[in-house]
Protein backbone atom coordinates (compact mmCIF):
# COMPACT_ATOMS: atom_id res chain seq x y z
CA MET A 1 -24.58 -2.90 2.38
CA SER A 2 -21.91 -0.62 0.98
CA ALA A 3 -21.38 -0.68 -2.78
CA GLY A 4 -18.14 -1.32 -4.61
CA ARG A 5 -16.03 -2.14 -1.58
CA ARG A 6 -12.45 -3.17 -2.32
CA LEU A 7 -9.94 -5.38 -0.57
CA LEU A 8 -6.19 -5.13 -1.09
CA LEU A 9 -4.23 -8.09 0.24
CA LEU A 10 -0.52 -7.29 0.55
CA ARG A 11 2.11 -9.91 1.18
CA HIS A 12 4.84 -8.97 3.64
CA GLY A 13 8.44 -8.16 2.65
CA ARG A 14 11.23 -10.67 2.37
CA THR A 15 12.78 -12.39 5.36
CA ALA A 16 16.07 -14.29 5.52
CA TRP A 17 14.03 -17.49 5.63
CA ASN A 18 12.28 -16.51 2.39
CA ALA A 19 15.68 -16.06 0.80
CA GLU A 20 16.79 -19.48 2.08
CA GLY A 21 13.64 -21.26 0.92
CA ARG A 22 12.82 -22.19 4.52
CA VAL A 23 9.27 -22.91 5.72
CA GLN A 24 8.08 -20.09 7.98
CA GLY A 25 4.44 -20.85 8.66
CA GLN A 26 3.60 -19.18 11.97
CA LEU A 27 7.18 -18.88 13.15
CA ASP A 28 8.23 -15.25 13.35
CA PRO A 29 11.49 -14.25 11.65
CA PRO A 30 11.84 -10.50 10.97
CA LEU A 31 12.22 -8.79 7.62
CA ASP A 32 15.72 -8.72 6.19
CA ASP A 33 17.24 -5.52 4.78
CA LEU A 34 15.68 -6.06 1.36
CA GLY A 35 12.33 -6.85 2.99
CA ALA A 36 12.42 -3.57 4.91
CA ARG A 37 13.10 -1.64 1.70
CA GLN A 38 10.31 -3.52 -0.08
CA SER A 39 7.92 -2.68 2.75
CA ARG A 40 8.71 1.04 2.62
CA ALA A 41 8.07 1.16 -1.13
CA ALA A 42 4.87 -0.88 -0.85
CA ALA A 43 3.60 1.31 1.99
CA ALA A 44 3.99 4.43 -0.16
CA ALA A 45 2.04 2.79 -2.98
CA VAL A 46 -0.71 1.63 -0.64
CA ALA A 47 -0.98 5.02 1.08
CA ALA A 48 -1.51 6.69 -2.30
CA LEU A 49 -4.73 4.65 -2.67
CA ARG A 50 -6.21 6.29 0.46
CA PRO A 51 -7.32 3.17 2.33
CA ASP A 52 -10.09 3.36 4.90
CA VAL A 53 -9.16 0.38 7.07
CA LEU A 54 -5.78 -1.20 7.79
CA LEU A 55 -5.49 -4.79 8.96
CA SER A 56 -2.50 -7.00 9.64
CA SER A 57 -1.49 -10.46 10.66
CA ASP A 58 -0.04 -10.37 14.15
CA LEU A 59 3.24 -11.91 12.98
CA LEU A 60 6.25 -9.60 13.00
CA ARG A 61 6.99 -9.62 9.27
CA ALA A 62 3.44 -8.48 8.46
CA ARG A 63 3.15 -6.00 11.34
CA ALA A 64 6.34 -4.27 10.20
CA GLY A 65 4.78 -3.53 6.80
CA ALA A 66 1.46 -2.47 8.30
CA LYS A 67 3.26 -0.08 10.66
CA GLN A 68 4.82 1.69 7.67
CA VAL A 69 1.40 2.06 6.00
CA SER A 70 0.00 3.39 9.29
CA GLU A 71 2.74 6.02 9.57
CA LEU A 72 1.89 7.33 6.08
CA THR A 73 -1.90 7.21 6.38
CA GLY A 74 -2.60 7.83 10.06
CA LEU A 75 -4.77 4.70 10.14
CA PRO A 76 -4.51 2.47 13.21
CA VAL A 77 -3.37 -1.09 12.57
CA ARG A 78 -5.87 -3.77 13.48
CA SER A 79 -3.66 -6.78 14.19
CA ASP A 80 -5.45 -10.13 14.13
CA PRO A 81 -4.15 -13.71 14.45
CA GLY A 82 -6.88 -14.74 12.00
CA LEU A 83 -4.67 -13.30 9.25
CA ARG A 84 -1.64 -15.39 10.16
CA GLU A 85 0.08 -17.69 7.71
CA VAL A 86 -0.96 -21.32 7.54
CA TRP A 87 0.33 -23.31 10.48
CA VAL A 88 2.35 -26.24 9.13
CA GLY A 89 3.37 -27.83 12.42
CA ALA A 90 6.54 -29.90 12.25
CA TRP A 91 7.38 -28.57 8.78
CA GLN A 92 8.08 -25.12 10.19
CA GLY A 93 11.75 -24.18 10.09
CA LEU A 94 12.62 -26.80 7.49
CA THR A 95 13.83 -26.29 3.96
CA ARG A 96 11.78 -27.89 1.20
CA ASP A 97 14.33 -30.69 0.83
CA GLU A 98 14.31 -31.32 4.56
CA ALA A 99 10.52 -31.51 4.59
CA HIS A 100 10.64 -33.92 1.65
CA CYS A 101 13.04 -36.21 3.48
CA ALA A 102 11.28 -36.06 6.85
CA PHE A 103 7.69 -36.32 5.58
CA PRO A 104 7.81 -38.07 2.17
CA ALA A 105 4.16 -39.17 2.13
CA GLU A 106 2.88 -35.74 3.15
CA TYR A 107 5.19 -34.06 0.68
CA ALA A 108 3.97 -36.27 -2.16
CA ALA A 109 0.32 -35.55 -1.28
CA TRP A 110 1.06 -31.84 -1.13
CA GLN A 111 2.72 -32.00 -4.54
CA ARG A 112 -0.44 -33.62 -5.89
CA GLY A 113 -2.40 -30.60 -4.67
CA GLU A 114 -4.14 -32.28 -1.74
CA ASP A 115 -5.16 -29.95 1.09
CA ILE A 116 -3.49 -31.95 3.83
CA ARG A 117 -2.35 -31.13 7.37
CA ARG A 118 1.35 -30.80 6.81
CA GLY A 119 3.27 -31.61 9.95
CA GLY A 120 -0.01 -31.86 11.85
CA GLY A 121 -0.93 -28.27 11.03
CA GLU A 122 -3.86 -26.54 9.32
CA THR A 123 -5.54 -27.13 6.00
CA TYR A 124 -5.82 -24.28 3.51
CA ALA A 125 -9.60 -24.49 3.87
CA GLU A 126 -9.26 -23.70 7.57
CA VAL A 127 -6.93 -20.80 6.84
CA GLY A 128 -9.36 -19.39 4.27
CA ALA A 129 -12.27 -19.59 6.71
CA ARG A 130 -10.50 -17.81 9.57
CA ALA A 131 -9.04 -15.10 7.33
CA ALA A 132 -12.38 -14.49 5.58
CA SER A 133 -14.06 -13.96 8.94
CA VAL A 134 -11.62 -11.15 9.75
CA ILE A 135 -11.62 -9.46 6.35
CA LEU A 136 -15.39 -9.59 5.80
CA THR A 137 -16.07 -8.11 9.24
CA ALA A 138 -13.81 -5.20 8.31
CA ALA A 139 -15.40 -4.90 4.85
CA ASP A 140 -18.81 -4.42 6.47
CA GLU A 141 -17.52 -1.17 7.99
CA LEU A 142 -16.37 0.30 4.68
CA PRO A 143 -18.15 3.21 2.98
CA ASP A 144 -19.24 2.97 -0.64
CA LEU A 145 -16.11 2.44 -2.77
CA GLY A 146 -14.12 2.03 0.43
CA LEU A 147 -10.82 0.18 0.56
CA ALA A 148 -9.57 -2.19 3.24
CA VAL A 149 -5.90 -3.19 3.20
CA ALA A 150 -4.64 -6.33 4.89
CA VAL A 151 -0.91 -7.02 5.25
CA THR A 152 -0.63 -10.77 5.46
CA HIS A 153 1.03 -13.84 3.94
CA GLY A 154 1.25 -15.71 0.65
CA GLY A 155 -0.65 -18.82 1.67
CA THR A 156 -3.28 -16.78 3.50
CA ILE A 157 -3.81 -14.56 0.46
CA ARG A 158 -4.35 -17.59 -1.74
CA ALA A 159 -6.78 -19.22 0.67
CA LEU A 160 -8.68 -16.00 1.36
CA THR A 161 -8.97 -15.24 -2.35
CA GLY A 162 -10.29 -18.75 -2.97
CA VAL A 163 -12.96 -18.33 -0.30
CA LEU A 164 -14.09 -14.90 -1.51
CA LEU A 165 -14.29 -16.10 -5.12
CA GLU A 166 -16.25 -19.17 -3.92
CA LEU A 167 -13.80 -21.56 -5.53
CA PRO A 168 -13.50 -25.12 -4.20
CA PRO A 169 -10.27 -25.63 -2.25
CA ALA A 170 -9.12 -28.25 -4.74
CA GLN A 171 -8.88 -25.46 -7.34
CA TRP A 172 -7.00 -22.90 -5.26
CA TRP A 173 -3.66 -24.02 -6.69
CA ARG A 174 -4.77 -22.26 -9.91
CA LEU A 175 -4.21 -18.94 -8.13
CA ALA A 176 -0.54 -18.18 -8.76
CA ALA A 177 1.61 -17.28 -5.78
CA ILE A 178 2.67 -13.69 -5.30
CA GLY A 179 6.06 -12.23 -4.48
CA ASN A 180 7.11 -10.40 -1.36
CA CYS A 181 5.29 -7.04 -1.07
CA CYS A 182 3.09 -7.79 -4.07
CA TRP A 183 -0.68 -7.51 -3.82
CA THR A 184 -4.01 -8.98 -4.81
CA VAL A 185 -7.12 -6.79 -5.19
CA LEU A 186 -10.74 -7.94 -5.02
CA ALA A 187 -13.75 -5.71 -5.54
CA GLU A 188 -17.44 -6.10 -4.82
CA GLY A 189 -19.76 -6.47 -7.78
CA ARG A 190 -23.44 -7.22 -8.13
CA ARG A 191 -22.77 -10.96 -8.06
CA GLY A 192 -20.16 -11.00 -5.32
CA TRP A 193 -16.42 -10.51 -5.04
CA ARG A 194 -14.30 -10.33 -8.20
CA LEU A 195 -10.58 -10.73 -8.67
CA ILE A 196 -9.32 -7.43 -10.13
CA GLU A 197 -5.55 -7.76 -9.75
CA HIS A 198 -3.36 -10.64 -8.68
CA GLY A 199 0.37 -10.75 -8.04
CA VAL A 200 0.92 -7.07 -8.83
CA ARG A 201 4.22 -5.58 -7.74
CA PRO A 202 3.70 -1.97 -6.56
CA PRO A 203 5.89 0.76 -8.06
CA GLY A 204 9.27 0.90 -6.39
CA VAL A 205 9.19 -2.62 -4.97
CA THR A 206 12.08 -4.79 -6.14
CA ASP A 207 13.45 -8.18 -5.27
CA ALA A 208 17.02 -9.37 -5.45
CA GLU A 209 16.86 -10.20 -9.15
CA THR A 210 14.04 -8.19 -10.63
CA PRO A 211 13.28 -4.49 -11.39
CA ALA A 212 10.14 -2.89 -10.03
CA ARG A 213 8.11 -3.47 -13.17
CA VAL A 214 8.58 -6.83 -14.83
CA ALA A 215 7.41 -8.24 -18.12
CA TRP A 216 5.98 -11.63 -18.91
CA PRO A 217 7.13 -14.35 -18.35
CA PRO A 218 7.04 -14.03 -14.57
CA VAL A 219 10.16 -14.59 -12.52
CA ALA A 220 10.64 -16.83 -9.53
CA VAL A 221 10.14 -15.23 -6.15
CA ALA A 222 11.52 -16.15 -2.75
CA PRO A 223 9.68 -19.36 -1.81
CA ASP A 224 8.21 -20.29 1.53
CA VAL A 225 6.19 -23.43 1.34
CA GLU A 226 4.08 -23.85 -1.78
CA PRO A 227 5.53 -26.46 -4.14
CA GLN A 228 3.62 -26.09 -7.43
CA GLY A 229 5.34 -24.75 -9.34
CA GLU A 230 -6.33 -4.67 -17.17
CA ASP A 231 -7.27 -2.59 -15.78
CA GLY A 232 -10.51 -0.94 -17.02
CA GLN A 233 -14.13 -0.86 -16.04
CA PRO A 234 -15.39 -4.33 -15.16
CA ASP A 235 -17.97 -5.74 -17.52
CA ASP A 236 -20.62 -5.89 -14.80
CA GLY A 237 -20.48 -2.13 -14.27
CA MET A 238 -18.90 -2.45 -10.83
CA PRO A 239 -17.79 1.00 -9.61
CA ARG A 240 -14.17 1.59 -8.63
CA ARG A 241 -12.63 4.68 -7.06
CA THR A 242 -8.98 4.12 -7.91
CA GLU A 243 -6.93 1.34 -9.41
CA PRO A 244 -3.58 0.18 -8.09
CA ALA A 245 -0.75 0.45 -10.61
CA GLY A 246 2.21 -1.80 -11.05
CA GLY A 247 3.70 -4.70 -12.94
CA THR A 248 3.01 -8.37 -12.54
CA ALA A 249 5.22 -10.48 -10.35
CA VAL A 250 4.12 -14.02 -9.84
CA GLY A 251 6.27 -17.03 -9.46
CA ASP A 252 7.03 -20.02 -7.30
CA PRO A 253 3.97 -20.29 -5.05
CA SER A 254 4.59 -19.46 -1.44
CA ASP A 255 3.08 -19.80 1.99
CA SER A 256 4.62 -17.12 4.07
């Protein structure tokens, strides 16, 4: 087994549906103009980390960001439906208010943090399992201190992080949502995967309201679905080749 492998999970750039607060799920709207700019800035930051493997959800908004990373690194994009956003069935295409009105019982359960099948779709546990299968297969190919990058979605990042940290699904809500083109980094230690960075906005990435580097408290980010609303050497001696830099940007949890 390779030592000190790292995983960088990058959320895609903004879409018009993100800006509208509309549930995307596995529907496939493209990036808007801001999302395209966010993706270019994020790709430059990711390329500077010299990744070894590049993965992507097969949905358009994720593939667009992965393509920009590929152009800067020369890495081929491995597109996989296992990295798609959570499928939320009949909720897809609705605003949060519309979902509340159409599915009041489901909405209330979701607000309580229950991992339900919204609109007849997937559970977060199912999303975490399918995404982990993809990312861990890629991680097995990494050299010592190697880095795999996956361009994916907010809900998928949360579920995948929960699985890799071996947290029970009922506790995944404790992982704050991340903004468009922000990232989460996990690294391999002697006792398994560790969360190194979460909700970090890469240098140069902005949203409609916020500069590239933001201070606490966090600001709201374009929502999709989710309703709830230091660097340094790790203490277990886990080796790291490079550390991503950037400010924190967490906010209204999101599933897209």
